[in-house]
Amino acid sequence: MPTATEAASLPPWPTAFRALVDRRHTLILQGPMGWFFSDLAALLTQQGQLVTKVHFNGGDQLFWRQGGALRYTGRPEALADWLRELMKRQRIDAVVLFGQMRPIHCVARAVAQELGVGVFVFEEGYLRPNYVTVERRGVNALSRLPRSASFYSEQTLPRPPAPQPTTQDIRRTALIAAAYGIAAVALRPWYPHQTHHRSLNPVTEPLRWARSYLRYLHYRVSEHGLHARLTSPDLSKRWFLVPLQVQSDSQVTHHSPYAGIEAFIRDVMASFAAHAPDDIGLVIKHHPMDRAYSDYRRLIRQEARRLKIGHRVVYLHDQHLPTLLDHTRGVITINSTVGLQALHHGAPVITLGESVYSVPGLVYDGPLATFWQAPGRVNQTLYQRFRHHLVAHTQLNASFYAEAPALRARPPELPASLRHTTRRAELSPVELPAARIHDVADA
């Protein structure tokens, strides 16, 4: 437990998280790989809540070190009825989940809405590093945050305190993912109908990540000197940046006009060829977490050759993103959080899908065809007010895969202007036996 001085140094909890803490009985569904949801449950318990957890595979079970856990072993089509009965019987008044578009969570969100149960969605931080996102009802494209520039122009929130570092490390994240996959396979007999939104194969997944590391070594050699060229005085501000997203990202598959990253690449390259000035380049950056799964080099070469822009297009991988954002002319994205980083660095942004920051006046409010010619300038006052609002209401100082400073203790009170009035529901929740797992038969 931190001292009073240490607790006082923590950034305040965002209002969405405080609303969660004020509930009486929380149902935790599938979380990020690792112990974050288990540590969250410990905090909620310390605050006087009852907490129930549902495991959907052995990976969920491996990373749970609290009591009050249930094991769902039924078929996917029976989940809605089972959750409905559970929420009623246990008098659940909050549901917590990570990955709002996972099939099991789509079902859970619908049931919770039907019963009037609050839904709290966790996701990677809108602002990175050192933050994770928590919102009520939904995140990103499903966020209820206003999309009006006038709303944020009227905000007068104070500058938020700097978050404490979370020391997130890609190697630790990879080990957690490997352990999760191994546990899911090893405990498969206890979850005969388990489903997951991604492959958990303990053989193919490590091989993919081994391939990712080999590609990383290859790109360090093949892209040597490229970063210096792009940031040189001769080329600075003379190219647009296209940061790609993970090919399985639900923000692409559910909240954009594109069927996949390939369609996005073709669309952007065709628009660039038709409308961008002849002396301007295009830099397409691969997502580092997608290196193990996809490679668009052939597609980009083919499109560049067909459009006769091969000499103006660069495809790169592991270059330092913040520095690139300092030197780019503008950023074209579907709805990646890189867009927010770009605004922070003063780079104009256009979003081609739905996103939490698609606020006209904050991002470019026009077609891609004209963005190439005149991307405009970032309204830094509007951006700072938008950012302060995000931190105050949705950003929790934590990492899913490393340190979570915000879960150490209750931070200081918010300023009076930000305190919500959510009152704990008057419930008489049914206690669950602690520290044991209940099997739910395939009825």
Protein backbone atom coordinates (compact mmCIF):
# COMPACT_ATOMS: atom_id res chain seq x y z
CA MET A 1 0.00 0.00 0.00
CA PRO A 2 1.51 3.40 -0.95
CA THR A 3 2.04 6.15 1.57
CA ALA A 4 -0.22 9.20 1.65
CA THR A 5 2.47 11.17 -0.18
CA GLU A 6 2.79 8.52 -2.89
CA ALA A 7 -0.99 8.30 -3.28
CA ALA A 8 -1.21 12.07 -3.60
CA SER A 9 1.26 11.96 -6.51
CA LEU A 10 -1.04 9.72 -8.56
CA PRO A 11 -3.23 11.36 -11.20
CA PRO A 12 -6.91 11.44 -10.22
CA TRP A 13 -9.13 8.63 -11.39
CA PRO A 14 -11.16 9.60 -14.46
CA THR A 15 -14.87 10.07 -13.88
CA ALA A 16 -15.77 6.87 -15.76
CA PHE A 17 -13.61 4.83 -13.39
CA ARG A 18 -15.08 6.55 -10.36
CA ALA A 19 -18.54 5.63 -11.60
CA LEU A 20 -17.41 1.99 -11.71
CA VAL A 21 -16.01 2.15 -8.19
CA ASP A 22 -19.36 3.48 -6.96
CA ARG A 23 -21.22 0.33 -8.04
CA ARG A 24 -22.23 -2.46 -5.66
CA HIS A 25 -21.72 -5.73 -7.60
CA THR A 26 -19.53 -5.91 -10.70
CA LEU A 27 -19.45 -8.73 -13.23
CA ILE A 28 -16.05 -8.98 -14.93
CA LEU A 29 -15.94 -10.73 -18.30
CA GLN A 30 -12.95 -11.33 -20.57
CA GLY A 31 -10.07 -8.93 -20.11
CA PRO A 32 -6.69 -8.25 -21.65
CA MET A 33 -4.17 -11.05 -21.30
CA GLY A 34 -2.48 -10.70 -17.93
CA TRP A 35 -3.40 -9.77 -14.37
CA PHE A 36 -4.95 -6.34 -14.90
CA PHE A 37 -8.56 -7.43 -14.38
CA SER A 38 -7.56 -9.52 -11.38
CA ASP A 39 -5.86 -6.48 -9.82
CA LEU A 40 -8.89 -4.36 -10.73
CA ALA A 41 -11.11 -6.84 -8.87
CA ALA A 42 -8.88 -6.57 -5.80
CA LEU A 43 -9.25 -2.79 -5.83
CA LEU A 44 -13.03 -2.95 -6.26
CA THR A 45 -13.22 -5.41 -3.38
CA GLN A 46 -11.18 -3.06 -1.20
CA GLN A 47 -13.70 -0.34 -2.03
CA GLY A 48 -16.51 -2.53 -0.64
CA GLN A 49 -17.83 -4.11 -3.82
CA LEU A 50 -18.82 -7.65 -4.60
CA VAL A 51 -17.05 -8.95 -7.70
CA THR A 52 -17.94 -11.92 -9.89
CA LYS A 53 -15.70 -13.11 -12.72
CA VAL A 54 -16.56 -15.34 -15.69
CA HIS A 55 -13.81 -17.40 -17.35
CA PHE A 56 -14.28 -18.38 -20.99
CA ASN A 57 -11.03 -20.35 -21.42
CA GLY A 58 -7.97 -21.51 -19.53
CA GLY A 59 -6.08 -18.30 -20.26
CA ASP A 60 -8.70 -16.29 -18.39
CA GLN A 61 -8.42 -18.74 -15.49
CA LEU A 62 -4.61 -18.64 -15.38
CA PHE A 63 -4.48 -14.88 -14.82
CA TRP A 64 -7.13 -14.73 -12.08
CA ARG A 65 -5.96 -14.68 -8.48
CA GLN A 66 -9.17 -13.61 -6.73
CA GLY A 67 -12.28 -15.49 -5.62
CA GLY A 68 -15.81 -15.30 -6.97
CA ALA A 69 -15.08 -16.93 -10.34
CA LEU A 70 -17.43 -18.84 -12.63
CA ARG A 71 -16.47 -21.03 -15.55
CA TYR A 72 -18.72 -20.82 -18.59
CA THR A 73 -18.67 -24.16 -20.40
CA GLY A 74 -21.87 -23.82 -22.38
CA ARG A 75 -22.33 -23.26 -26.08
CA PRO A 76 -22.04 -19.74 -27.51
CA GLU A 77 -25.71 -19.65 -28.46
CA ALA A 78 -26.70 -20.27 -24.82
CA LEU A 79 -24.61 -17.40 -23.44
CA ALA A 80 -27.29 -14.70 -23.58
CA ASP A 81 -29.79 -16.64 -21.48
CA TRP A 82 -27.08 -17.67 -19.03
CA LEU A 83 -25.81 -14.11 -18.57
CA ARG A 84 -29.35 -12.80 -18.21
CA GLU A 85 -30.07 -15.25 -15.42
CA LEU A 86 -26.73 -14.55 -13.73
CA MET A 87 -27.20 -10.78 -13.77
CA LYS A 88 -30.69 -11.09 -12.34
CA ARG A 89 -29.84 -13.67 -9.70
CA GLN A 90 -26.71 -11.88 -8.47
CA ARG A 91 -28.22 -8.41 -8.85
CA ILE A 92 -25.31 -7.24 -10.98
CA ASP A 93 -25.22 -3.48 -11.52
CA ALA A 94 -21.99 -3.18 -13.56
CA VAL A 95 -20.37 -5.25 -16.32
CA VAL A 96 -16.67 -4.82 -17.09
CA LEU A 97 -15.04 -6.05 -20.31
CA PHE A 98 -12.13 -5.51 -22.67
CA GLY A 99 -12.71 -5.63 -26.42
CA GLN A 100 -16.25 -4.46 -26.98
CA MET A 101 -16.66 -6.16 -30.38
CA ARG A 102 -15.63 -9.65 -29.27
CA PRO A 103 -18.60 -11.95 -29.95
CA ILE A 104 -19.10 -12.82 -26.27
CA HIS A 105 -19.02 -9.15 -25.36
CA CYS A 106 -21.49 -8.13 -28.05
CA VAL A 107 -23.89 -10.60 -26.42
CA ALA A 108 -23.09 -9.31 -22.93
CA ARG A 109 -23.56 -5.67 -23.89
CA ALA A 110 -26.97 -6.43 -25.40
CA VAL A 111 -28.10 -8.31 -22.29
CA ALA A 112 -26.82 -5.56 -19.99
CA GLN A 113 -28.65 -2.91 -21.99
CA GLU A 114 -31.84 -4.97 -21.83
CA LEU A 115 -31.58 -5.20 -18.04
CA GLY A 116 -30.42 -1.65 -17.45
CA VAL A 117 -27.01 -2.76 -16.16
CA GLY A 118 -24.11 -0.35 -16.61
CA VAL A 119 -21.36 -1.42 -19.02
CA PHE A 120 -17.76 -0.29 -18.51
CA VAL A 121 -15.44 -0.93 -21.44
CA PHE A 122 -11.66 -0.97 -21.10
CA GLU A 123 -9.37 -0.51 -24.09
CA GLU A 124 -5.83 0.55 -24.92
CA GLY A 125 -5.22 4.18 -24.05
CA TYR A 126 -6.42 6.93 -26.35
CA LEU A 127 -3.29 8.71 -25.13
CA ARG A 128 -0.12 6.64 -24.98
CA PRO A 129 2.00 5.60 -23.22
CA ASN A 130 1.04 5.23 -19.54
CA TYR A 131 -2.74 5.26 -19.98
CA VAL A 132 -5.55 2.79 -20.58
CA THR A 133 -9.05 3.85 -21.55
CA VAL A 134 -12.23 3.21 -19.56
CA GLU A 135 -15.61 4.45 -20.73
CA ARG A 136 -19.22 3.73 -20.00
CA ARG A 137 -21.20 1.97 -22.76
CA GLY A 138 -18.42 1.91 -25.37
CA VAL A 139 -15.07 3.21 -26.60
CA ASN A 140 -13.64 4.62 -29.82
CA ALA A 141 -16.42 4.81 -32.40
CA LEU A 142 -19.01 3.79 -29.76
CA SER A 143 -17.84 6.43 -27.29
CA ARG A 144 -20.45 8.89 -26.03
CA LEU A 145 -17.91 11.72 -25.92
CA PRO A 146 -19.14 14.80 -27.82
CA ARG A 147 -17.97 15.28 -31.41
CA SER A 148 -18.53 19.03 -31.37
CA ALA A 149 -15.66 21.52 -31.50
CA SER A 150 -17.81 24.12 -29.73
CA PHE A 151 -18.24 21.76 -26.75
CA TYR A 152 -14.47 21.46 -26.23
CA SER A 153 -13.86 25.15 -26.97
CA GLU A 154 -15.89 25.95 -23.86
CA GLN A 155 -13.96 23.54 -21.61
CA THR A 156 -11.77 25.11 -18.95
CA LEU A 157 -10.34 22.01 -17.29
CA PRO A 158 -6.92 22.37 -15.65
CA ARG A 159 -3.89 20.74 -17.20
CA PRO A 160 -3.83 17.14 -15.91
CA PRO A 161 -0.84 15.95 -13.85
CA ALA A 162 1.70 13.84 -15.67
CA PRO A 163 1.03 10.09 -15.40
CA GLN A 164 3.47 7.85 -13.60
CA PRO A 165 5.46 5.56 -15.95
CA THR A 166 4.15 2.02 -16.38
CA THR A 167 7.40 0.52 -17.75
CA GLN A 168 5.58 -1.52 -20.39
CA ASP A 169 7.88 -3.85 -22.31
CA ILE A 170 7.12 -5.77 -25.51
CA ARG A 171 9.00 -8.86 -24.29
CA ARG A 172 6.89 -9.07 -21.14
CA THR A 173 3.74 -8.66 -23.23
CA ALA A 174 4.84 -11.48 -25.55
CA LEU A 175 5.49 -13.80 -22.59
CA ILE A 176 2.06 -13.05 -21.13
CA ALA A 177 0.44 -13.78 -24.49
CA ALA A 178 2.33 -17.08 -24.79
CA ALA A 179 1.32 -18.15 -21.28
CA TYR A 180 -2.30 -17.27 -21.98
CA GLY A 181 -2.34 -19.35 -25.17
CA ILE A 182 -0.69 -22.36 -23.51
CA ALA A 183 -3.18 -22.27 -20.64
CA ALA A 184 -6.12 -21.98 -23.03
CA VAL A 185 -5.00 -25.12 -24.86
CA ALA A 186 -4.00 -27.07 -21.74
CA LEU A 187 -7.34 -26.42 -20.04
CA ARG A 188 -9.45 -26.90 -23.16
CA PRO A 189 -11.19 -30.02 -21.73
CA TRP A 190 -12.75 -27.77 -19.06
CA TYR A 191 -14.01 -25.37 -21.77
CA PRO A 192 -15.28 -27.67 -24.55
CA HIS A 193 -17.00 -24.88 -26.50
CA GLN A 194 -14.50 -22.10 -25.92
CA THR A 195 -14.19 -19.39 -28.54
CA HIS A 196 -11.70 -16.56 -28.88
CA HIS A 197 -11.44 -13.66 -31.29
CA ARG A 198 -7.85 -14.64 -32.18
CA SER A 199 -5.89 -17.84 -32.60
CA LEU A 200 -4.50 -19.31 -29.36
CA ASN A 201 -2.57 -22.13 -31.03
CA PRO A 202 0.56 -22.72 -28.87
CA VAL A 203 2.57 -23.86 -31.90
CA THR A 204 1.66 -21.44 -34.68
CA GLU A 205 1.50 -18.31 -32.51
CA PRO A 206 5.09 -18.57 -31.14
CA LEU A 207 6.27 -19.32 -34.68
CA ARG A 208 4.56 -16.17 -35.93
CA TRP A 209 6.25 -14.09 -33.26
CA ALA A 210 9.59 -15.69 -34.09
CA ARG A 211 8.98 -14.60 -37.68
CA SER A 212 8.14 -11.13 -36.38
CA TYR A 213 11.50 -10.91 -34.62
CA LEU A 214 13.36 -12.04 -37.75
CA ARG A 215 11.52 -9.43 -39.77
CA TYR A 216 12.44 -6.83 -37.17
CA LEU A 217 16.13 -7.69 -37.59
CA HIS A 218 15.79 -7.61 -41.37
CA TYR A 219 14.14 -4.18 -41.38
CA ARG A 220 16.81 -2.74 -39.08
CA VAL A 221 19.30 -3.46 -41.86
CA SER A 222 17.18 -2.83 -44.97
CA GLU A 223 15.72 0.46 -43.67
CA HIS A 224 19.00 1.81 -42.33
CA GLY A 225 19.36 5.49 -43.17
CA LEU A 226 15.72 5.89 -44.20
CA HIS A 227 14.76 7.72 -41.01
CA ALA A 228 17.59 10.24 -41.48
CA ARG A 229 16.51 10.88 -45.08
CA LEU A 230 12.85 11.46 -44.24
CA THR A 231 13.71 13.88 -41.44
CA SER A 232 16.42 15.75 -43.35
CA PRO A 233 15.88 19.45 -44.23
CA ASP A 234 15.36 18.51 -47.88
CA LEU A 235 12.48 16.11 -47.20
CA SER A 236 10.98 17.33 -43.93
CA LYS A 237 7.28 18.25 -44.40
CA ARG A 238 7.39 16.96 -47.98
CA TRP A 239 5.60 13.66 -47.42
CA PHE A 240 2.38 12.36 -45.92
CA LEU A 241 2.30 9.55 -43.36
CA VAL A 242 -0.15 6.63 -43.47
CA PRO A 243 0.06 4.60 -40.22
CA LEU A 244 -1.52 1.19 -40.78
CA GLN A 245 -3.62 -0.57 -38.15
CA VAL A 246 -3.65 -4.22 -37.12
CA GLN A 247 -5.40 -6.27 -39.78
CA SER A 248 -7.86 -7.75 -37.25
CA ASP A 249 -8.62 -4.42 -35.52
CA SER A 250 -12.36 -4.23 -34.84
CA GLN A 251 -12.16 -0.47 -35.38
CA VAL A 252 -11.38 -1.28 -39.02
CA THR A 253 -13.76 -4.20 -39.50
CA HIS A 254 -16.73 -2.61 -37.66
CA HIS A 255 -16.23 1.15 -37.76
CA SER A 256 -14.82 1.99 -41.18
CA PRO A 257 -15.91 1.77 -44.82
CA TYR A 258 -13.10 -0.71 -45.53
CA ALA A 259 -13.27 -4.50 -45.54
CA GLY A 260 -9.62 -4.62 -44.50
CA ILE A 261 -6.25 -2.87 -44.54
CA GLU A 262 -5.64 -3.84 -48.16
CA ALA A 263 -8.69 -1.88 -49.32
CA PHE A 264 -7.56 1.12 -47.28
CA ILE A 265 -4.09 1.01 -48.85
CA ARG A 266 -5.52 0.86 -52.39
CA ASP A 267 -7.91 3.73 -51.73
CA VAL A 268 -5.27 6.02 -50.22
CA MET A 269 -2.68 5.29 -52.91
CA ALA A 270 -5.19 5.90 -55.71
CA SER A 271 -6.25 9.23 -54.17
CA PHE A 272 -2.61 10.23 -53.66
CA ALA A 273 -1.77 9.48 -57.29
CA ALA A 274 -4.74 11.50 -58.54
CA HIS A 275 -4.64 14.53 -56.25
CA ALA A 276 -1.32 14.99 -54.39
CA PRO A 277 1.26 17.48 -55.70
CA ASP A 278 3.89 15.82 -57.87
CA ASP A 279 6.76 16.80 -55.56
CA ILE A 280 5.18 15.27 -52.42
CA GLY A 281 5.83 11.72 -51.17
CA LEU A 282 3.79 9.05 -49.39
CA VAL A 283 5.15 7.08 -46.42
CA ILE A 284 3.20 3.98 -45.37
CA LYS A 285 4.13 2.65 -41.92
CA HIS A 286 3.37 -0.91 -40.82
CA HIS A 287 1.88 -1.49 -37.36
CA PRO A 288 4.52 -3.09 -35.08
CA MET A 289 1.99 -5.48 -33.48
CA ASP A 290 0.97 -6.74 -36.93
CA ARG A 291 4.48 -7.60 -38.06
CA ALA A 292 3.93 -11.26 -37.15
CA TYR A 293 0.76 -11.56 -39.22
CA SER A 294 0.91 -9.46 -42.37
CA ASP A 295 3.21 -7.92 -44.94
CA TYR A 296 1.91 -5.46 -47.54
CA ARG A 297 5.12 -4.97 -49.51
CA ARG A 298 3.91 -6.81 -52.62
CA LEU A 299 0.55 -5.03 -52.65
CA ILE A 300 2.16 -1.59 -52.25
CA ARG A 301 4.70 -2.28 -55.01
CA GLN A 302 1.98 -3.47 -57.37
CA GLU A 303 -0.23 -0.47 -56.72
CA ALA A 304 2.69 1.97 -56.98
CA ARG A 305 3.70 0.45 -60.32
CA ARG A 306 0.12 0.53 -61.64
CA LEU A 307 -0.37 4.15 -60.56
CA LYS A 308 3.12 5.20 -61.74
CA ILE A 309 4.12 6.61 -58.34
CA GLY A 310 6.80 4.07 -57.35
CA HIS A 311 9.46 6.75 -56.91
CA ARG A 312 7.23 8.65 -54.46
CA VAL A 313 6.11 5.84 -52.14
CA VAL A 314 8.00 4.44 -49.14
CA TYR A 315 6.93 1.44 -47.04
CA LEU A 316 8.63 1.26 -43.63
CA HIS A 317 8.31 -0.56 -40.33
CA ASP A 318 10.26 0.11 -37.13
CA GLN A 319 11.10 3.78 -37.34
CA HIS A 320 10.65 6.18 -34.41
CA LEU A 321 7.05 7.35 -34.76
CA PRO A 322 7.19 10.59 -32.70
CA THR A 323 10.07 11.87 -34.83
CA LEU A 324 8.23 10.98 -38.02
CA LEU A 325 5.20 12.90 -36.75
CA ASP A 326 7.39 15.97 -36.24
CA HIS A 327 8.40 15.90 -39.91
CA THR A 328 5.30 14.76 -41.79
CA ARG A 329 3.09 17.09 -43.81
CA GLY A 330 -0.05 15.33 -42.58
CA VAL A 331 -1.46 11.99 -41.43
CA ILE A 332 -4.09 9.82 -43.12
CA THR A 333 -5.64 7.17 -40.88
CA ILE A 334 -8.80 5.13 -40.56
CA ASN A 335 -9.26 5.70 -36.81
CA SER A 336 -5.92 4.82 -35.21
CA THR A 337 -4.89 6.51 -31.96
CA VAL A 338 -1.79 7.57 -33.90
CA GLY A 339 -4.06 10.35 -35.11
CA LEU A 340 -4.15 11.78 -31.59
CA GLN A 341 -0.36 11.50 -31.34
CA ALA A 342 -0.09 13.35 -34.64
CA LEU A 343 -2.26 16.21 -33.38
CA HIS A 344 -0.04 16.40 -30.31
CA HIS A 345 2.95 16.88 -32.62
CA GLY A 346 1.15 19.50 -34.69
CA ALA A 347 0.57 17.28 -37.74
CA PRO A 348 -2.81 17.73 -39.51
CA VAL A 349 -4.96 14.59 -39.54
CA ILE A 350 -7.78 13.21 -41.66
CA THR A 351 -9.76 10.18 -40.46
CA LEU A 352 -11.46 7.91 -42.99
CA GLY A 353 -13.44 5.93 -40.39
CA GLU A 354 -15.33 6.62 -37.17
CA SER A 355 -13.20 7.61 -34.18
CA VAL A 356 -13.51 9.29 -30.82
CA TYR A 357 -11.46 12.27 -32.03
CA SER A 358 -13.23 12.80 -35.37
CA VAL A 359 -14.22 16.30 -34.32
CA PRO A 360 -14.57 18.77 -37.21
CA GLY A 361 -12.03 21.49 -36.62
CA LEU A 362 -9.79 19.13 -34.68
CA VAL A 363 -9.27 16.84 -37.69
CA TYR A 364 -9.63 17.81 -41.33
CA ASP A 365 -13.28 18.31 -42.25
CA GLY A 366 -13.25 17.57 -45.94
CA PRO A 367 -12.53 14.87 -48.54
CA LEU A 368 -9.19 13.13 -48.89
CA ALA A 369 -8.82 14.57 -52.41
CA THR A 370 -8.41 18.09 -51.05
CA PHE A 371 -6.41 17.10 -47.95
CA TRP A 372 -3.40 16.36 -50.17
CA GLN A 373 -3.42 19.93 -51.48
CA ALA A 374 -4.06 21.87 -48.28
CA PRO A 375 -4.07 19.84 -45.03
CA GLY A 376 -4.29 22.99 -42.92
CA ARG A 377 -2.94 23.53 -39.42
CA VAL A 378 -3.78 21.93 -36.07
CA ASN A 379 -5.84 24.07 -33.70
CA GLN A 380 -3.61 23.51 -30.67
CA THR A 381 -5.96 25.26 -28.24
CA LEU A 382 -8.82 22.97 -29.27
CA TYR A 383 -6.54 19.93 -29.14
CA GLN A 384 -5.31 20.72 -25.62
CA ARG A 385 -8.87 21.20 -24.34
CA PHE A 386 -9.94 17.96 -26.00
CA ARG A 387 -6.97 16.16 -24.47
CA HIS A 388 -7.66 17.50 -20.99
CA HIS A 389 -11.26 16.30 -21.30
CA LEU A 390 -10.09 12.83 -22.37
CA VAL A 391 -7.74 12.51 -19.40
CA ALA A 392 -10.28 13.80 -16.88
CA HIS A 393 -13.06 11.45 -17.99
CA THR A 394 -11.57 8.38 -19.70
CA GLN A 395 -7.83 7.89 -19.13
CA LEU A 396 -6.55 5.70 -16.28
CA ASN A 397 -2.85 5.78 -15.41
CA ALA A 398 -2.03 2.10 -16.00
CA SER A 399 -0.78 -0.55 -18.40
CA PHE A 400 -2.58 -3.80 -19.05
CA TYR A 401 0.73 -5.66 -19.26
CA ALA A 402 3.02 -3.89 -16.78
CA GLU A 403 2.58 -1.47 -13.87
CA ALA A 404 -0.82 0.01 -13.04
CA PRO A 405 -0.17 2.97 -10.73
CA ALA A 406 -3.85 3.97 -10.64
CA LEU A 407 -4.78 0.66 -9.01
CA ARG A 408 -2.45 1.12 -6.05
CA ALA A 409 -4.79 3.25 -3.96
CA ARG A 410 -7.57 5.77 -4.19
CA PRO A 411 -6.08 9.00 -5.62
CA PRO A 412 -6.99 12.48 -4.34
CA GLU A 413 -10.47 13.85 -4.94
CA LEU A 414 -11.27 15.46 -8.27
CA PRO A 415 -11.89 19.21 -8.48
CA ALA A 416 -15.49 20.03 -7.57
CA SER A 417 -16.31 20.81 -11.22
CA LEU A 418 -15.56 17.21 -12.21
CA ARG A 419 -17.15 15.25 -9.37
CA HIS A 420 -19.97 13.07 -10.60
CA THR A 421 -23.10 12.48 -8.56
CA THR A 422 -23.54 8.78 -9.29
CA ARG A 423 -24.94 7.11 -6.17
CA ARG A 424 -24.49 3.47 -5.29
CA ALA A 425 -27.56 1.48 -6.22
CA GLU A 426 -29.57 0.23 -3.27
CA LEU A 427 -29.18 -3.50 -3.78
CA SER A 428 -29.01 -6.62 -1.67
CA PRO A 429 -26.53 -8.64 -3.73
CA VAL A 430 -26.16 -12.37 -3.24
CA GLU A 431 -22.74 -13.34 -1.94
CA LEU A 432 -20.73 -15.79 -4.01
CA PRO A 433 -18.55 -18.36 -2.30
CA ALA A 434 -15.01 -17.03 -2.39
CA ALA A 435 -11.92 -18.63 -3.91
CA ARG A 436 -13.60 -21.43 -5.75
CA ILE A 437 -14.67 -22.02 -9.31
CA HIS A 438 -18.22 -22.95 -10.21
CA ASP A 439 -18.72 -25.02 -13.31
CA VAL A 440 -21.61 -24.06 -15.53
CA ALA A 441 -22.81 -27.19 -17.26
CA ASP A 442 -23.71 -27.31 -20.93
CA ALA A 443 -27.43 -27.30 -20.25
